[in-house]
Protein backbone atom coordinates (compact mmCIF):
# COMPACT_ATOMS: atom_id res chain seq x y z
CA MET A 1 0.00 0.00 0.00
CA GLY A 2 1.18 3.53 -0.76
CA SER A 3 1.91 6.31 1.69
CA PHE A 4 -1.43 8.01 0.87
CA SER A 5 -3.71 4.97 0.71
CA ASN A 6 -7.31 5.68 1.76
CA GLN A 7 -6.78 9.44 1.48
CA VAL A 8 -8.72 11.75 -0.82
CA ALA A 9 -6.49 14.51 -2.18
CA LEU A 10 -8.06 17.67 -3.60
CA ILE A 11 -5.66 19.44 -5.97
CA THR A 12 -6.45 22.81 -7.52
CA GLY A 13 -4.77 23.70 -10.78
CA ALA A 14 -4.51 19.96 -11.44
CA GLY A 15 -4.79 20.16 -15.20
CA SER A 16 -1.19 21.16 -15.91
CA GLY A 17 2.23 21.83 -14.47
CA ILE A 18 3.06 20.93 -10.90
CA GLY A 19 -0.61 20.27 -10.02
CA ARG A 20 -0.87 17.58 -12.68
CA GLN A 21 2.43 16.01 -11.67
CA LEU A 22 1.39 15.99 -8.01
CA ALA A 23 -1.85 14.25 -8.98
CA LEU A 24 0.09 11.55 -10.83
CA THR A 25 2.60 11.13 -8.00
CA LEU A 26 0.01 11.02 -5.23
CA SER A 27 -2.14 8.58 -7.21
CA ALA A 28 0.87 6.28 -7.53
CA GLU A 29 1.16 6.50 -3.72
CA GLY A 30 -2.43 5.29 -3.30
CA ALA A 31 -4.39 8.55 -3.01
CA SER A 32 -7.82 9.09 -4.54
CA ILE A 33 -7.55 12.23 -6.65
CA ALA A 34 -10.13 15.03 -6.70
CA ALA A 35 -8.91 17.40 -9.41
CA VAL A 36 -10.02 20.99 -10.04
CA ASP A 37 -9.06 23.33 -12.87
CA LEU A 38 -10.52 26.01 -15.12
CA LYS A 39 -11.00 23.89 -18.25
CA PRO A 40 -12.39 20.38 -18.74
CA GLU A 41 -10.00 19.14 -21.43
CA PRO A 42 -6.82 18.86 -19.30
CA LEU A 43 -8.81 17.35 -16.44
CA ALA A 44 -10.30 14.73 -18.74
CA ALA A 45 -6.80 13.95 -20.03
CA LEU A 46 -5.55 13.54 -16.45
CA ALA A 47 -8.44 11.20 -15.62
CA ALA A 48 -7.67 9.16 -18.75
CA GLU A 49 -4.03 8.80 -17.68
CA LEU A 50 -5.22 7.66 -14.25
CA ALA A 51 -7.72 5.19 -15.72
CA GLY A 52 -8.36 2.36 -13.30
CA LYS A 53 -7.37 4.48 -10.29
CA PRO A 54 -9.73 6.57 -8.12
CA CYS A 55 -10.06 9.97 -9.76
CA ALA A 56 -12.83 12.53 -10.14
CA TRP A 57 -12.67 16.05 -11.51
CA ALA A 58 -14.67 19.26 -11.61
CA VAL A 59 -14.30 22.55 -13.41
CA ALA A 60 -14.09 25.54 -11.06
CA ASP A 61 -12.39 28.90 -10.71
CA VAL A 62 -10.55 29.31 -7.39
CA THR A 63 -11.39 33.03 -7.39
CA ASP A 64 -15.13 32.16 -7.28
CA VAL A 65 -15.71 30.93 -3.74
CA THR A 66 -19.35 29.93 -4.34
CA GLY A 67 -18.52 27.92 -7.43
CA LEU A 68 -15.54 26.30 -5.74
CA ARG A 69 -17.59 25.28 -2.70
CA SER A 70 -20.12 23.67 -5.02
CA ALA A 71 -17.42 21.83 -6.99
CA VAL A 72 -15.78 20.49 -3.83
CA LYS A 73 -19.14 19.34 -2.47
CA ASP A 74 -19.75 17.44 -5.70
CA LEU A 75 -16.30 15.84 -5.58
CA GLU A 76 -16.79 14.77 -1.96
CA GLN A 77 -20.06 13.11 -2.87
CA ARG A 78 -18.19 11.09 -5.50
CA GLN A 79 -14.85 10.48 -3.76
CA GLY A 80 -15.52 10.92 -0.06
CA PRO A 81 -14.41 13.59 2.42
CA ILE A 82 -11.26 15.52 1.54
CA ASP A 83 -8.30 14.43 3.67
CA LEU A 84 -5.63 16.46 1.90
CA LEU A 85 -5.91 19.83 0.17
CA ILE A 86 -3.16 21.00 -2.14
CA ALA A 87 -3.95 24.62 -2.98
CA ASN A 88 -1.79 24.82 -6.06
CA ALA A 89 -3.63 26.93 -8.64
CA GLY A 90 -1.59 29.99 -9.50
CA ILE A 91 -0.56 32.39 -12.22
CA GLY A 92 2.67 34.19 -13.06
CA ARG A 93 2.76 37.68 -14.51
CA GLU A 94 5.45 40.35 -14.67
CA THR A 95 4.74 43.59 -12.82
CA SER A 96 7.64 45.79 -13.83
CA ALA A 97 7.63 49.33 -12.45
CA PHE A 98 7.84 50.63 -16.03
CA THR A 99 4.68 48.86 -17.20
CA PHE A 100 2.90 48.60 -13.84
CA ARG A 101 -0.85 48.03 -14.03
CA ALA A 102 -3.05 47.59 -10.97
CA GLU A 103 -5.12 45.06 -12.94
CA ASP A 104 -2.11 42.74 -13.22
CA PHE A 105 -1.41 43.03 -9.51
CA GLU A 106 -5.06 42.34 -8.69
CA ALA A 107 -5.12 39.24 -10.88
CA LEU A 108 -2.08 37.81 -9.07
CA ILE A 109 -3.60 38.45 -5.65
CA LYS A 110 -6.98 37.02 -6.65
CA VAL A 111 -5.61 33.72 -7.94
CA ASN A 112 -2.45 33.18 -5.88
CA LEU A 113 -3.69 34.39 -2.49
CA ILE A 114 -7.48 34.68 -2.43
CA GLY A 115 -7.67 31.46 -4.45
CA VAL A 116 -5.78 29.68 -1.66
CA ALA A 117 -8.13 31.15 0.96
CA ASN A 118 -11.16 30.05 -1.06
CA SER A 119 -9.75 26.54 -1.41
CA ILE A 120 -9.22 26.31 2.34
CA ASP A 121 -12.75 27.63 2.93
CA ALA A 122 -14.17 24.80 0.82
CA VAL A 123 -12.60 21.99 2.88
CA LEU A 124 -11.83 23.32 6.36
CA PRO A 125 -15.32 23.06 7.93
CA GLY A 126 -15.41 19.33 7.15
CA MET A 127 -11.89 18.80 8.46
CA LEU A 128 -12.76 20.61 11.68
CA SER A 129 -15.85 18.48 12.21
CA ARG A 130 -13.81 15.30 11.65
CA ARG A 131 -10.84 16.66 13.64
CA ARG A 132 -8.37 15.57 11.00
CA GLY A 133 -6.98 16.77 7.71
CA HIS A 134 -4.02 18.37 6.01
CA LEU A 135 -3.89 21.78 4.31
CA VAL A 136 -1.03 22.33 1.86
CA ALA A 137 -0.38 25.58 0.01
CA ILE A 138 2.08 25.87 -2.85
CA SER A 139 3.88 29.14 -2.28
CA SER A 140 7.28 30.06 -3.72
CA LEU A 141 10.81 31.08 -2.81
CA ALA A 142 9.74 34.38 -4.37
CA SER A 143 7.84 34.95 -1.12
CA TYR A 144 11.11 35.59 0.69
CA HIS A 145 11.89 38.98 -0.86
CA GLY A 146 10.34 41.43 -3.27
CA LEU A 147 12.13 41.04 -6.59
CA PRO A 148 12.30 43.48 -9.51
CA ILE A 149 9.84 42.74 -12.35
CA MET A 150 8.05 40.24 -10.06
CA SER A 151 6.86 42.39 -7.16
CA GLY A 152 3.20 41.40 -7.59
CA TYR A 153 3.97 37.69 -7.71
CA CYS A 154 6.26 37.99 -4.68
CA ALA A 155 3.57 39.87 -2.73
CA SER A 156 0.93 37.26 -3.51
CA LYS A 157 3.14 34.41 -2.32
CA ALA A 158 4.27 36.28 0.80
CA GLY A 159 0.59 36.58 1.67
CA VAL A 160 0.17 32.81 1.32
CA ASN A 161 3.00 32.25 3.81
CA ALA A 162 1.44 34.61 6.36
CA LEU A 163 -1.98 32.98 5.96
CA MET A 164 -0.60 29.49 6.50
CA ASP A 165 1.57 30.55 9.44
CA GLY A 166 -1.48 31.78 11.31
CA LEU A 167 -3.69 28.82 10.45
CA ARG A 168 -1.01 26.31 11.42
CA VAL A 169 -0.90 27.48 15.03
CA GLU A 170 -4.67 27.49 15.45
CA LEU A 171 -5.35 24.18 13.72
CA LYS A 172 -2.63 21.95 15.17
CA PRO A 173 -4.57 21.28 18.42
CA ARG A 174 -7.56 20.24 16.27
CA GLY A 175 -5.58 17.52 14.50
CA ILE A 176 -5.22 19.44 11.24
CA ALA A 177 -1.76 19.86 9.77
CA CYS A 178 -0.69 22.84 7.66
CA THR A 179 2.22 22.74 5.23
CA THR A 180 3.65 25.64 3.24
CA ILE A 181 5.72 24.61 0.23
CA CYS A 182 8.15 27.15 -1.24
CA PRO A 183 9.76 25.77 -4.39
CA GLY A 184 12.23 27.55 -6.59
CA TRP A 185 11.71 27.72 -10.34
CA ILE A 186 10.04 24.66 -11.81
CA ARG A 187 9.73 24.08 -15.54
CA THR A 188 5.96 24.60 -16.02
CA PRO A 189 3.63 26.64 -18.26
CA LEU A 190 3.48 29.25 -15.47
CA THR A 191 7.20 29.98 -15.56
CA MET A 192 7.11 30.41 -19.33
CA ASN A 193 5.56 33.86 -18.70
CA ILE A 194 8.37 35.06 -16.42
CA ARG A 195 11.97 35.75 -17.33
CA VAL A 196 13.95 33.16 -15.37
CA PRO A 197 17.49 31.85 -15.91
CA GLN A 198 16.91 28.48 -17.57
CA PRO A 199 19.70 26.69 -15.66
CA ALA A 200 17.81 27.50 -12.45
CA MET A 201 14.77 25.47 -13.56
CA MET A 202 13.95 22.21 -11.77
CA GLU A 203 12.21 19.44 -13.65
CA LEU A 204 8.61 18.61 -12.73
CA ASP A 205 9.11 15.04 -11.57
CA GLU A 206 11.94 15.98 -9.19
CA ALA A 207 9.96 18.88 -7.73
CA ALA A 208 6.86 16.71 -7.23
CA ARG A 209 8.92 14.00 -5.55
CA ARG A 210 10.29 16.52 -3.06
CA ILE A 211 6.91 18.10 -2.39
CA VAL A 212 5.14 14.78 -1.83
CA GLY A 213 7.91 13.72 0.56
CA ALA A 214 7.41 16.90 2.60
CA ILE A 215 3.63 16.37 2.65
CA HIS A 216 4.05 12.76 3.77
CA ARG A 217 6.25 13.91 6.67
CA ARG A 218 3.76 16.69 7.46
CA ARG A 219 6.50 19.27 7.50
CA PRO A 220 5.13 22.69 8.53
CA PHE A 221 7.36 24.49 6.04
CA TYR A 222 9.52 23.25 3.19
CA ALA A 223 11.61 25.42 0.86
CA PHE A 224 13.92 24.19 -1.90
CA PRO A 225 16.38 24.02 -3.59
CA ALA A 226 18.86 24.86 -0.85
CA SER A 227 21.20 26.86 -3.10
CA THR A 228 18.50 29.36 -4.09
CA LEU A 229 17.07 29.42 -0.56
CA TYR A 230 20.40 30.42 0.94
CA ARG A 231 20.86 33.25 -1.56
CA LEU A 232 17.41 34.65 -0.79
CA ARG A 233 17.99 34.40 2.94
CA LEU A 234 21.22 36.32 2.47
CA LEU A 235 19.40 38.95 0.44
CA ARG A 236 16.99 39.50 3.34
CA MET A 237 19.85 39.90 5.82
CA LEU A 238 21.91 42.37 3.80
CA PRO A 239 21.59 46.14 4.15
CA CYS A 240 19.04 47.49 1.67
CA ARG A 241 21.64 49.27 -0.45
CA LEU A 242 23.67 46.12 -1.03
CA GLY A 243 20.61 43.93 -1.45
CA ASP A 244 19.15 46.33 -4.01
CA TRP A 245 22.43 46.33 -5.95
CA LEU A 246 22.43 42.54 -6.12
CA ALA A 247 18.77 42.46 -7.20
CA ALA A 248 19.43 45.05 -9.93
CA ARG A 249 22.40 43.02 -11.13
CA ALA A 250 20.21 39.92 -11.39
CA VAL A 251 17.68 41.84 -13.49
CA ARG A 252 20.41 43.00 -15.86
CA SER A 253 21.50 39.39 -16.31
CA LEU A 254 18.01 38.62 -17.66
CA GLY A 255 18.34 41.32 -20.29
CA SER A 256 16.01 43.82 -18.66
């Protein structure tokens, strides 16, 4: 039996990228998959790949709390109560100071932060009544420091960290675990929209393996890879003038 046997895992943004890979990896570990995404075609393709294994899917927008609640209720009727939430749905969009638009910033906050809150809303009442469950949010190493060109994305992910930090303390005595995952750059459709040094990209299967391992161990916080994590920690500790110089240098290396 796998590490996640008899568990129902709800994954948002399951139709592509890291969400899809997590669905495949968790299914191989015995989990029943409840997949949510914006479009039916990638979800149907995921279900076809998982043919013969427990999988159900529903189309929903994580920014629409009413629609998401309804979708999760439908999935629970088909798969059973949600044991594990992976709030993964997210978008990437540049927010350079020279082309800054409030609409872009709002879109990032709505999907990457409010979408996580809506996903938690859809499953937490049931977990509280059962006194068990596991909430996982996919954040980012970008949450550690505001970065040029990516300030909106960084802000949205920093908000996810703060949300999960607070929930973790309150929910632990109720038997509900909270895990914040902060990956570096992973080769997905999302990162195609952001200028990132290609050598820094991690492949999907390796990233999913690490994330699932952290979920299995119920780690409260997991950030990787270590090399990028250490650099960002250093950036936070440096005086602003030096940190800003290093950040500007990194932007120049991307051709900005």
